[in-house]
Amino acid sequence: MLKKTFTALTLGAALFAGQAMAADYAIDKQGQHAFVNFKISHLGYSWIYGTFKDFDGSFSFDAARPEASKVNVTLKTASVDTNHAERDKHLRSGDFLNVDKHPTATFTSTRVESTGEGTANITGDLTLNGVTKPVVIAAKFLGEGKDPWGGYRAGFEGTASIKMKDFGIKMDLGPQSENVELILTVEGVRK
């Protein structure tokens, strides 16, 4: 009996060791190496660009098994910045982000699907303005490796498009301005 148990444990350990494990990373927001940016059409004539300055998150990543990856991000909606104080005040109001009632927005991945070498679709639940909807981020792996300070980093970029009305934002800026394009750059430090 002891021999069978030992054999089963050895086989299980060998199988487990043969599987690649996803590494956990903290998003490097302190070093200004991660950005949650957006753009929206201004009446179809130009673009308004903005960013969220206060956010935090983590991800798990294994280059050999990208489908095992996970992403979690929380941002403070009041940190929206379009480089125009009056517009930012309006964006924080009930017409848009309603930051008094919904001070955070979150993204939690539910599935990662490889779409080619170094690219993937990250499907997840985005909660914004108190509404949760699935969103797909088209992501691209930028690279990974040791940094000069003894750590290990991995970086990605991604894009997604969301329709404002899907998240209860009723302010009508016209048909050219229904969608917000998200532009994401994420560098993480391995924990």
C-alpha atoms as a PDB file:
ATOM      1  CA  MET A   1       0.000   0.000   0.000  1.00  0.00           C
ATOM      2  CA  LEU A   2       2.806   2.428   0.902  1.00  0.00           C
ATOM      3  CA  LYS A   3       4.516   1.695  -2.421  1.00  0.00           C
ATOM      4  CA  LYS A   4       1.293   2.497  -4.373  1.00  0.00           C
ATOM      5  CA  THR A   5       0.806   5.756  -2.461  1.00  0.00           C
ATOM      6  CA  PHE A   6       4.423   6.784  -3.058  1.00  0.00           C
ATOM      7  CA  THR A   7       4.114   5.944  -6.777  1.00  0.00           C
ATOM      8  CA  ALA A   8       0.893   7.972  -7.070  1.00  0.00           C
ATOM      9  CA  LEU A   9       2.486  10.968  -5.286  1.00  0.00           C
ATOM     10  CA  THR A  10       5.601  10.789  -7.451  1.00  0.00           C
ATOM     11  CA  LEU A  11       3.525  10.576 -10.648  1.00  0.00           C
ATOM     12  CA  GLY A  12       1.325  13.484  -9.527  1.00  0.00           C
ATOM     13  CA  ALA A  13       4.368  15.618  -8.671  1.00  0.00           C
ATOM     14  CA  ALA A  14       5.968  14.834 -12.026  1.00  0.00           C
ATOM     15  CA  LEU A  15       2.815  15.794 -13.901  1.00  0.00           C
ATOM     16  CA  PHE A  16       2.441  18.993 -11.860  1.00  0.00           C
ATOM     17  CA  ALA A  17       6.087  19.940 -12.400  1.00  0.00           C
ATOM     18  CA  GLY A  18       5.655  19.425 -16.146  1.00  0.00           C
ATOM     19  CA  GLN A  19       2.906  22.014 -16.296  1.00  0.00           C
ATOM     20  CA  ALA A  20       3.952  25.622 -16.693  1.00  0.00           C
ATOM     21  CA  MET A  21       2.678  27.863 -13.956  1.00  0.00           C
ATOM     22  CA  ALA A  22       1.404  31.359 -14.556  1.00  0.00           C
ATOM     23  CA  ALA A  23       3.456  34.036 -12.788  1.00  0.00           C
ATOM     24  CA  ASP A  24       1.699  36.782 -10.840  1.00  0.00           C
ATOM     25  CA  TYR A  25       2.470  40.435 -11.559  1.00  0.00           C
ATOM     26  CA  ALA A  26       1.523  43.739  -9.907  1.00  0.00           C
ATOM     27  CA  ILE A  27       0.799  46.533 -12.375  1.00  0.00           C
ATOM     28  CA  ASP A  28       3.580  49.126 -12.173  1.00  0.00           C
ATOM     29  CA  LYS A  29       1.544  52.296 -11.818  1.00  0.00           C
ATOM     30  CA  GLN A  30       4.032  53.889  -9.408  1.00  0.00           C
ATOM     31  CA  GLY A  31       6.774  53.919 -12.028  1.00  0.00           C
ATOM     32  CA  GLN A  32       4.462  55.467 -14.635  1.00  0.00           C
ATOM     33  CA  HIS A  33       4.713  52.321 -16.749  1.00  0.00           C
ATOM     34  CA  ALA A  34       1.001  51.612 -17.048  1.00  0.00           C
ATOM     35  CA  PHE A  35      -1.743  53.732 -18.592  1.00  0.00           C
ATOM     36  CA  VAL A  36      -5.513  53.560 -18.975  1.00  0.00           C
ATOM     37  CA  ASN A  37      -6.199  56.025 -21.778  1.00  0.00           C
ATOM     38  CA  PHE A  38      -9.236  56.719 -23.925  1.00  0.00           C
ATOM     39  CA  LYS A  39     -10.365  58.727 -26.900  1.00  0.00           C
ATOM     40  CA  ILE A  40     -13.778  59.787 -28.106  1.00  0.00           C
ATOM     41  CA  SER A  41     -14.816  61.635 -31.215  1.00  0.00           C
ATOM     42  CA  HIS A  42     -15.736  65.279 -30.738  1.00  0.00           C
ATOM     43  CA  LEU A  43     -18.730  65.691 -33.048  1.00  0.00           C
ATOM     44  CA  GLY A  44     -16.893  63.767 -35.757  1.00  0.00           C
ATOM     45  CA  TYR A  45     -14.419  66.636 -36.263  1.00  0.00           C
ATOM     46  CA  SER A  46     -11.577  65.720 -33.918  1.00  0.00           C
ATOM     47  CA  TRP A  47     -10.657  63.484 -30.959  1.00  0.00           C
ATOM     48  CA  ILE A  48     -10.692  64.153 -27.245  1.00  0.00           C
ATOM     49  CA  TYR A  49      -8.019  62.136 -25.430  1.00  0.00           C
ATOM     50  CA  GLY A  50      -7.993  61.391 -21.743  1.00  0.00           C
ATOM     51  CA  THR A  51      -6.566  59.159 -19.064  1.00  0.00           C
ATOM     52  CA  PHE A  52      -7.365  57.761 -15.641  1.00  0.00           C
ATOM     53  CA  LYS A  53      -4.492  58.654 -13.340  1.00  0.00           C
ATOM     54  CA  ASP A  54      -5.364  56.477 -10.335  1.00  0.00           C
ATOM     55  CA  PHE A  55      -5.723  52.732 -10.802  1.00  0.00           C
ATOM     56  CA  ASP A  56      -4.278  49.506  -9.517  1.00  0.00           C
ATOM     57  CA  GLY A  57      -4.319  45.893 -10.541  1.00  0.00           C
ATOM     58  CA  SER A  58      -2.603  42.620 -11.160  1.00  0.00           C
ATOM     59  CA  PHE A  59      -2.324  39.922 -13.762  1.00  0.00           C
ATOM     60  CA  SER A  60      -1.133  36.341 -14.084  1.00  0.00           C
ATOM     61  CA  PHE A  61       0.716  35.364 -17.245  1.00  0.00           C
ATOM     62  CA  ASP A  62       2.338  32.271 -18.701  1.00  0.00           C
ATOM     63  CA  ALA A  63       3.711  32.667 -22.245  1.00  0.00           C
ATOM     64  CA  ALA A  64       3.402  28.915 -22.825  1.00  0.00           C
ATOM     65  CA  ARG A  65      -0.281  28.904 -21.821  1.00  0.00           C
ATOM     66  CA  PRO A  66      -1.749  32.382 -22.433  1.00  0.00           C
ATOM     67  CA  GLU A  67      -5.270  30.997 -21.982  1.00  0.00           C
ATOM     68  CA  ALA A  68      -4.455  30.520 -18.269  1.00  0.00           C
ATOM     69  CA  SER A  69      -3.793  34.251 -17.848  1.00  0.00           C
ATOM     70  CA  LYS A  70      -5.946  36.495 -15.656  1.00  0.00           C
ATOM     71  CA  VAL A  71      -6.365  40.263 -15.274  1.00  0.00           C
ATOM     72  CA  ASN A  72      -7.901  42.383 -12.502  1.00  0.00           C
ATOM     73  CA  VAL A  73      -7.933  46.192 -12.533  1.00  0.00           C
ATOM     74  CA  THR A  74      -9.671  48.781 -10.356  1.00  0.00           C
ATOM     75  CA  LEU A  75      -9.591  52.471 -11.215  1.00  0.00           C
ATOM     76  CA  LYS A  76     -10.809  55.591  -9.447  1.00  0.00           C
ATOM     77  CA  THR A  77     -13.278  57.285 -11.787  1.00  0.00           C
ATOM     78  CA  ALA A  78     -12.633  60.724 -10.248  1.00  0.00           C
ATOM     79  CA  SER A  79      -9.055  60.508 -11.571  1.00  0.00           C
ATOM     80  CA  VAL A  80     -10.260  61.154 -15.130  1.00  0.00           C
ATOM     81  CA  ASP A  81      -8.100  63.789 -16.822  1.00  0.00           C
ATOM     82  CA  THR A  82      -8.574  65.273 -20.306  1.00  0.00           C
ATOM     83  CA  ASN A  83      -6.331  68.286 -19.654  1.00  0.00           C
ATOM     84  CA  HIS A  84      -9.381  70.581 -19.376  1.00  0.00           C
ATOM     85  CA  ALA A  85     -10.695  71.268 -15.847  1.00  0.00           C
ATOM     86  CA  GLU A  86     -14.289  72.175 -16.789  1.00  0.00           C
ATOM     87  CA  ARG A  87     -14.679  69.182 -19.091  1.00  0.00           C
ATOM     88  CA  ASP A  88     -13.232  66.891 -16.410  1.00  0.00           C
ATOM     89  CA  LYS A  89     -15.731  68.282 -13.892  1.00  0.00           C
ATOM     90  CA  HIS A  90     -18.541  67.499 -16.349  1.00  0.00           C
ATOM     91  CA  LEU A  91     -17.177  63.983 -16.950  1.00  0.00           C
ATOM     92  CA  ARG A  92     -17.268  63.343 -13.183  1.00  0.00           C
ATOM     93  CA  SER A  93     -20.924  64.443 -12.982  1.00  0.00           C
ATOM     94  CA  GLY A  94     -24.085  62.359 -13.264  1.00  0.00           C
ATOM     95  CA  ASP A  95     -24.115  63.012 -17.028  1.00  0.00           C
ATOM     96  CA  PHE A  96     -21.146  60.675 -17.472  1.00  0.00           C
ATOM     97  CA  LEU A  97     -19.142  58.812 -14.793  1.00  0.00           C
ATOM     98  CA  ASN A  98     -21.278  59.730 -11.764  1.00  0.00           C
ATOM     99  CA  VAL A  99     -18.227  59.491  -9.498  1.00  0.00           C
ATOM    100  CA  ASP A 100     -20.122  60.333  -6.294  1.00  0.00           C
ATOM    101  CA  LYS A 101     -22.263  57.196  -6.656  1.00  0.00           C
ATOM    102  CA  HIS A 102     -19.704  55.031  -8.474  1.00  0.00           C
ATOM    103  CA  PRO A 103     -16.179  55.995  -7.370  1.00  0.00           C
ATOM    104  CA  THR A 104     -14.547  52.928  -8.935  1.00  0.00           C
ATOM    105  CA  ALA A 105     -14.656  51.009 -12.189  1.00  0.00           C
ATOM    106  CA  THR A 106     -13.358  47.441 -12.411  1.00  0.00           C
ATOM    107  CA  PHE A 107     -12.301  44.947 -15.053  1.00  0.00           C
ATOM    108  CA  THR A 108     -12.060  41.234 -14.236  1.00  0.00           C
ATOM    109  CA  SER A 109     -11.090  38.820 -16.978  1.00  0.00           C
ATOM    110  CA  THR A 110     -13.253  35.761 -17.564  1.00  0.00           C
ATOM    111  CA  ARG A 111     -11.427  34.221 -20.543  1.00  0.00           C
ATOM    112  CA  VAL A 112      -8.216  34.673 -22.530  1.00  0.00           C
ATOM    113  CA  GLU A 113      -8.087  33.309 -26.064  1.00  0.00           C
ATOM    114  CA  SER A 114      -4.885  33.285 -28.104  1.00  0.00           C
ATOM    115  CA  THR A 115      -5.388  34.838 -31.551  1.00  0.00           C
ATOM    116  CA  GLY A 116      -1.893  34.353 -32.904  1.00  0.00           C
ATOM    117  CA  GLU A 117       1.713  34.666 -31.876  1.00  0.00           C
ATOM    118  CA  GLY A 118       1.821  37.210 -29.067  1.00  0.00           C
ATOM    119  CA  THR A 119      -1.808  38.325 -29.416  1.00  0.00           C
ATOM    120  CA  ALA A 120      -4.963  37.411 -27.550  1.00  0.00           C
ATOM    121  CA  ASN A 121      -8.531  38.466 -26.902  1.00  0.00           C
ATOM    122  CA  ILE A 122      -9.124  39.088 -23.207  1.00  0.00           C
ATOM    123  CA  THR A 123     -12.830  38.838 -22.392  1.00  0.00           C
ATOM    124  CA  GLY A 124     -13.917  40.188 -19.062  1.00  0.00           C
ATOM    125  CA  ASP A 125     -16.545  41.978 -17.030  1.00  0.00           C
ATOM    126  CA  LEU A 126     -16.245  45.759 -17.014  1.00  0.00           C
ATOM    127  CA  THR A 127     -18.190  47.501 -14.268  1.00  0.00           C
ATOM    128  CA  LEU A 128     -18.622  51.210 -14.989  1.00  0.00           C
ATOM    129  CA  ASN A 129     -21.251  53.605 -13.671  1.00  0.00           C
ATOM    130  CA  GLY A 130     -22.791  50.743 -11.689  1.00  0.00           C
ATOM    131  CA  VAL A 131     -23.353  48.595 -14.806  1.00  0.00           C
ATOM    132  CA  THR A 132     -21.467  45.382 -15.582  1.00  0.00           C
ATOM    133  CA  LYS A 133     -21.069  44.262 -19.200  1.00  0.00           C
ATOM    134  CA  PRO A 134     -18.687  41.931 -21.033  1.00  0.00           C
ATOM    135  CA  VAL A 135     -15.883  43.664 -22.934  1.00  0.00           C
ATOM    136  CA  VAL A 136     -13.186  42.203 -25.199  1.00  0.00           C
ATOM    137  CA  ILE A 137      -9.680  43.665 -25.128  1.00  0.00           C
ATOM    138  CA  ALA A 138      -7.493  42.940 -28.147  1.00  0.00           C
ATOM    139  CA  ALA A 139      -4.126  42.463 -26.426  1.00  0.00           C
ATOM    140  CA  LYS A 140      -0.567  42.215 -27.671  1.00  0.00           C
ATOM    141  CA  PHE A 141       2.357  40.846 -25.678  1.00  0.00           C
ATOM    142  CA  LEU A 142       5.252  43.335 -25.793  1.00  0.00           C
ATOM    143  CA  GLY A 143       7.908  41.363 -23.943  1.00  0.00           C
ATOM    144  CA  GLU A 144       9.250  40.138 -20.622  1.00  0.00           C
ATOM    145  CA  GLY A 145      12.559  39.911 -18.806  1.00  0.00           C
ATOM    146  CA  LYS A 146      14.785  41.096 -15.978  1.00  0.00           C
ATOM    147  CA  ASP A 147      14.906  44.779 -15.112  1.00  0.00           C
ATOM    148  CA  PRO A 148      17.977  46.750 -13.877  1.00  0.00           C
ATOM    149  CA  TRP A 149      16.715  46.665 -10.255  1.00  0.00           C
ATOM    150  CA  GLY A 150      16.668  42.886  -9.821  1.00  0.00           C
ATOM    151  CA  GLY A 151      13.009  42.382 -10.690  1.00  0.00           C
ATOM    152  CA  TYR A 152      11.267  40.674 -13.568  1.00  0.00           C
ATOM    153  CA  ARG A 153       8.707  42.435 -15.773  1.00  0.00           C
ATOM    154  CA  ALA A 154       6.170  41.688 -18.495  1.00  0.00           C
ATOM    155  CA  GLY A 155       4.366  44.203 -20.698  1.00  0.00           C
ATOM    156  CA  PHE A 156       1.262  44.342 -22.869  1.00  0.00           C
ATOM    157  CA  GLU A 157      -0.821  46.791 -24.854  1.00  0.00           C
ATOM    158  CA  GLY A 158      -4.480  46.521 -25.676  1.00  0.00           C
ATOM    159  CA  THR A 159      -7.482  48.212 -27.206  1.00  0.00           C
ATOM    160  CA  ALA A 160     -11.211  47.940 -26.699  1.00  0.00           C
ATOM    161  CA  SER A 161     -14.321  49.849 -27.651  1.00  0.00           C
ATOM    162  CA  ILE A 162     -17.297  50.467 -25.407  1.00  0.00           C
ATOM    163  CA  LYS A 163     -20.655  52.041 -26.125  1.00  0.00           C
ATOM    164  CA  MET A 164     -21.477  54.680 -23.511  1.00  0.00           C
ATOM    165  CA  LYS A 165     -25.192  53.873 -23.453  1.00  0.00           C
ATOM    166  CA  ASP A 166     -24.396  50.232 -22.562  1.00  0.00           C
ATOM    167  CA  PHE A 167     -23.065  51.556 -19.253  1.00  0.00           C
ATOM    168  CA  GLY A 168     -25.993  53.820 -18.443  1.00  0.00           C
ATOM    169  CA  ILE A 169     -24.338  57.002 -19.713  1.00  0.00           C
ATOM    170  CA  LYS A 170     -27.239  58.798 -21.323  1.00  0.00           C
ATOM    171  CA  MET A 171     -25.512  62.028 -22.377  1.00  0.00           C
ATOM    172  CA  ASP A 172     -26.032  62.213 -26.155  1.00  0.00           C
ATOM    173  CA  LEU A 173     -23.070  63.714 -27.955  1.00  0.00           C
ATOM    174  CA  GLY A 174     -24.290  62.623 -31.376  1.00  0.00           C
ATOM    175  CA  PRO A 175     -23.776  59.474 -33.464  1.00  0.00           C
ATOM    176  CA  GLN A 176     -20.049  60.091 -33.969  1.00  0.00           C
ATOM    177  CA  SER A 177     -19.498  60.034 -30.206  1.00  0.00           C
ATOM    178  CA  GLU A 178     -21.392  56.944 -29.079  1.00  0.00           C
ATOM    179  CA  ASN A 179     -18.293  54.802 -28.592  1.00  0.00           C
ATOM    180  CA  VAL A 180     -15.233  55.321 -26.418  1.00  0.00           C
ATOM    181  CA  GLU A 181     -11.984  53.747 -27.566  1.00  0.00           C
ATOM    182  CA  LEU A 182      -9.801  52.422 -24.741  1.00  0.00           C
ATOM    183  CA  ILE A 183      -6.024  52.354 -25.219  1.00  0.00           C
ATOM    184  CA  LEU A 184      -4.188  50.379 -22.540  1.00  0.00           C
ATOM    185  CA  THR A 185      -0.509  49.921 -21.767  1.00  0.00           C
ATOM    186  CA  VAL A 186       0.373  47.634 -18.877  1.00  0.00           C
ATOM    187  CA  GLU A 187       3.758  46.758 -17.437  1.00  0.00           C
ATOM    188  CA  GLY A 188       3.816  44.463 -14.436  1.00  0.00           C
ATOM    189  CA  VAL A 189       6.464  43.528 -11.886  1.00  0.00           C
ATOM    190  CA  ARG A 190       6.518  39.865 -10.951  1.00  0.00           C
ATOM    191  CA  LYS A 191       5.564  39.272  -7.313  1.00  0.00           C
END
